[in-house]
C-alpha atoms as a PDB file:
ATOM      1  CA  MET A   1      79.540  84.180 103.703  1.00  0.00           C
ATOM      2  CA  LYS A   2      80.403  82.245 100.572  1.00  0.00           C
ATOM      3  CA  LEU A   3      83.555  80.179 100.458  1.00  0.00           C
ATOM      4  CA  THR A   4      84.904  82.182  97.531  1.00  0.00           C
ATOM      5  CA  GLU A   5      84.353  85.420  99.449  1.00  0.00           C
ATOM      6  CA  LEU A   6      86.122  83.979 102.477  1.00  0.00           C
ATOM      7  CA  LEU A   7      89.077  82.844 100.372  1.00  0.00           C
ATOM      8  CA  ARG A   8      89.233  86.269  98.698  1.00  0.00           C
ATOM      9  CA  LYS A   9      89.345  87.944 102.113  1.00  0.00           C
ATOM     10  CA  ILE A  10      92.000  85.530 103.355  1.00  0.00           C
ATOM     11  CA  ASN A  11      94.063  86.248 100.250  1.00  0.00           C
ATOM     12  CA  LEU A  12      93.708  90.014 100.794  1.00  0.00           C
ATOM     13  CA  LEU A  13      94.668  89.598 104.443  1.00  0.00           C
ATOM     14  CA  HIS A  14      97.736  87.613 103.433  1.00  0.00           C
ATOM     15  CA  ALA A  15      98.713  90.279 100.882  1.00  0.00           C
ATOM     16  CA  GLY A  16      98.272  92.974 103.536  1.00  0.00           C
ATOM     17  CA  ILE A  17     100.437  91.132 106.036  1.00  0.00           C
ATOM     18  CA  VAL A  18     103.170  90.663 103.440  1.00  0.00           C
ATOM     19  CA  SER A  19     103.002  94.337 102.501  1.00  0.00           C
ATOM     20  CA  LEU A  20     103.239  95.478 106.126  1.00  0.00           C
ATOM     21  CA  THR A  21     106.128  93.110 106.739  1.00  0.00           C
ATOM     22  CA  LEU A  22     108.032  94.443 103.736  1.00  0.00           C
ATOM     23  CA  ASP A  23     107.369  98.016 104.897  1.00  0.00           C
ATOM     24  CA  LYS A  24     108.777  97.178 108.329  1.00  0.00           C
ATOM     25  CA  ILE A  25     111.813  95.536 106.723  1.00  0.00           C
ATOM     26  CA  ASP A  26     112.406  98.694 104.670  1.00  0.00           C
ATOM     27  CA  GLU A  27     112.215 100.786 107.844  1.00  0.00           C
ATOM     28  CA  LEU A  28     114.584  98.485 109.718  1.00  0.00           C
ATOM     29  CA  VAL A  29     117.093  98.438 106.861  1.00  0.00           C
ATOM     30  CA  LYS A  30     117.040 102.252 106.620  1.00  0.00           C
ATOM     31  CA  GLU A  31     117.586 102.470 110.353  1.00  0.00           C
ATOM     32  CA  LEU A  32     120.525 100.045 110.161  1.00  0.00           C
ATOM     33  CA  GLU A  33     121.987 102.023 107.243  1.00  0.00           C
ATOM     34  CA  GLU A  34     121.677 105.267 109.214  1.00  0.00           C
ATOM     35  CA  LYS A  35     123.451 103.660 112.181  1.00  0.00           C
ATOM     36  CA  GLY A  36     126.215 102.471 109.874  1.00  0.00           C
ATOM     37  CA  LYS A  37     125.546  98.798 110.541  1.00  0.00           C
ATOM     38  CA  LEU A  38     124.670  98.177 106.875  1.00  0.00           C
ATOM     39  CA  THR A  39     125.882  99.829 103.719  1.00  0.00           C
ATOM     40  CA  GLU A  40     123.300 101.066 101.245  1.00  0.00           C
ATOM     41  CA  GLU A  41     124.216  98.192  98.929  1.00  0.00           C
ATOM     42  CA  GLN A  42     123.844  95.630 101.722  1.00  0.00           C
ATOM     43  CA  GLY A  43     120.475  97.160 102.576  1.00  0.00           C
ATOM     44  CA  LYS A  44     119.274  96.886  98.988  1.00  0.00           C
ATOM     45  CA  GLU A  45     120.407  93.255  98.811  1.00  0.00           C
ATOM     46  CA  LEU A  46     118.658  92.432 102.067  1.00  0.00           C
ATOM     47  CA  VAL A  47     115.414  94.069 100.932  1.00  0.00           C
ATOM     48  CA  GLN A  48     115.597  92.212  97.602  1.00  0.00           C
ATOM     49  CA  LYS A  49     116.093  88.897  99.412  1.00  0.00           C
ATOM     50  CA  PHE A  50     113.031  89.519 101.553  1.00  0.00           C
ATOM     51  CA  LYS A  51     110.993  90.538  98.514  1.00  0.00           C
ATOM     52  CA  LYS A  52     111.957  87.285  96.769  1.00  0.00           C
ATOM     53  CA  ILE A  53     110.988  85.326  99.868  1.00  0.00           C
ATOM     54  CA  ALA A  54     107.665  87.180 100.055  1.00  0.00           C
ATOM     55  CA  GLU A  55     106.947  86.510  96.378  1.00  0.00           C
ATOM     56  CA  LYS A  56     107.743  82.821  96.838  1.00  0.00           C
ATOM     57  CA  GLN A  57     105.451  82.646  99.861  1.00  0.00           C
ATOM     58  CA  LYS A  58     102.713  84.418  97.907  1.00  0.00           C
ATOM     59  CA  GLU A  59     102.920  81.792  95.159  1.00  0.00           C
ATOM     60  CA  GLU A  60     102.963  78.960  97.699  1.00  0.00           C
ATOM     61  CA  PHE A  61      99.924  80.442  99.439  1.00  0.00           C
ATOM     62  CA  LYS A  62      98.105  80.707  96.115  1.00  0.00           C
ATOM     63  CA  LYS A  63      98.919  77.060  95.345  1.00  0.00           C
ATOM     64  CA  GLU A  64      97.649  75.999  98.764  1.00  0.00           C
ATOM     65  CA  ILE A  65      94.346  77.773  98.144  1.00  0.00           C
ATOM     66  CA  GLU A  66      94.055  76.158  94.709  1.00  0.00           C
ATOM     67  CA  GLU A  67      94.802  72.719  96.200  1.00  0.00           C
ATOM     68  CA  THR A  68      92.215  73.268  98.915  1.00  0.00           C
ATOM     69  CA  LEU A  69      89.621  74.165  96.299  1.00  0.00           C
ATOM     70  CA  LYS A  70      90.502  71.047  94.308  1.00  0.00           C
ATOM     71  CA  GLU A  71      90.137  68.911  97.426  1.00  0.00           C
ATOM     72  CA  LEU A  72      86.691  70.414  97.953  1.00  0.00           C
ATOM     73  CA  LYS A  73      85.910  69.343  94.393  1.00  0.00           C
ATOM     74  CA  LEU A  74      84.320  72.663  93.509  1.00  0.00           C
ATOM     75  CA  ALA A  75      83.813  73.518  89.872  1.00  0.00           C
ATOM     76  CA  THR A  76      86.020  76.257  88.481  1.00  0.00           C
ATOM     77  CA  LYS A  77      84.534  79.248  86.727  1.00  0.00           C
ATOM     78  CA  ASP A  78      85.672  77.834  83.378  1.00  0.00           C
ATOM     79  CA  GLU A  79      84.055  74.485  84.138  1.00  0.00           C
ATOM     80  CA  VAL A  80      80.768  76.172  85.035  1.00  0.00           C
ATOM     81  CA  GLU A  81      80.843  78.200  81.819  1.00  0.00           C
ATOM     82  CA  GLU A  82      81.512  75.044  79.797  1.00  0.00           C
ATOM     83  CA  LEU A  83      78.570  73.323  81.464  1.00  0.00           C
ATOM     84  CA  LYS A  84      76.322  76.296  80.697  1.00  0.00           C
ATOM     85  CA  LYS A  85      77.296  76.064  77.031  1.00  0.00           C
ATOM     86  CA  GLU A  86      76.584  72.341  76.984  1.00  0.00           C
ATOM     87  CA  ILE A  87      73.170  72.900  78.594  1.00  0.00           C
ATOM     88  CA  GLU A  88      72.284  75.512  75.996  1.00  0.00           C
ATOM     89  CA  GLU A  89      73.322  73.143  73.200  1.00  0.00           C
ATOM     90  CA  LEU A  90      71.226  70.363  74.692  1.00  0.00           C
ATOM     91  CA  LYS A  91      68.215  72.681  75.006  1.00  0.00           C
ATOM     92  CA  LYS A  92      68.521  73.551  71.333  1.00  0.00           C
ATOM     93  CA  GLU A  93      68.741  69.875  70.388  1.00  0.00           C
ATOM     94  CA  ILE A  94      65.637  69.087  72.461  1.00  0.00           C
ATOM     95  CA  GLU A  95      63.724  71.902  70.802  1.00  0.00           C
ATOM     96  CA  GLU A  96      64.784  70.674  67.353  1.00  0.00           C
ATOM     97  CA  LEU A  97      63.697  67.131  68.232  1.00  0.00           C
ATOM     98  CA  LYS A  98      60.326  68.405  69.455  1.00  0.00           C
ATOM     99  CA  LYS A  99      59.811  70.350  66.224  1.00  0.00           C
ATOM    100  CA  SER A 100      60.782  67.405  64.052  1.00  0.00           C
ATOM    101  CA  GLN A 101      58.271  65.136  65.845  1.00  0.00           C
ATOM    102  CA  GLN A 102      55.339  67.469  65.259  1.00  0.00           C
END
């Protein structure tokens, strides 16, 4: 399995875990509201707090993956594309030099 595929799967797994956690939080808050231990407004605030925390964790996780990739010193997609362009330009220059020498 390629590293990029593994990281994609890890990212999807992380997103799934976050989603399930938020679903469980919603269920728990509804249950607490039904039991009268939280008002509807308190429940909404609590859910919003957890969503903000989840979003922050998602961004931190993304940064950690990006840092790991940088540490591995792998070329980014943009870098690879730039190198391909440079190679094509060099090929053209070589061909022009060959033609001019004939």
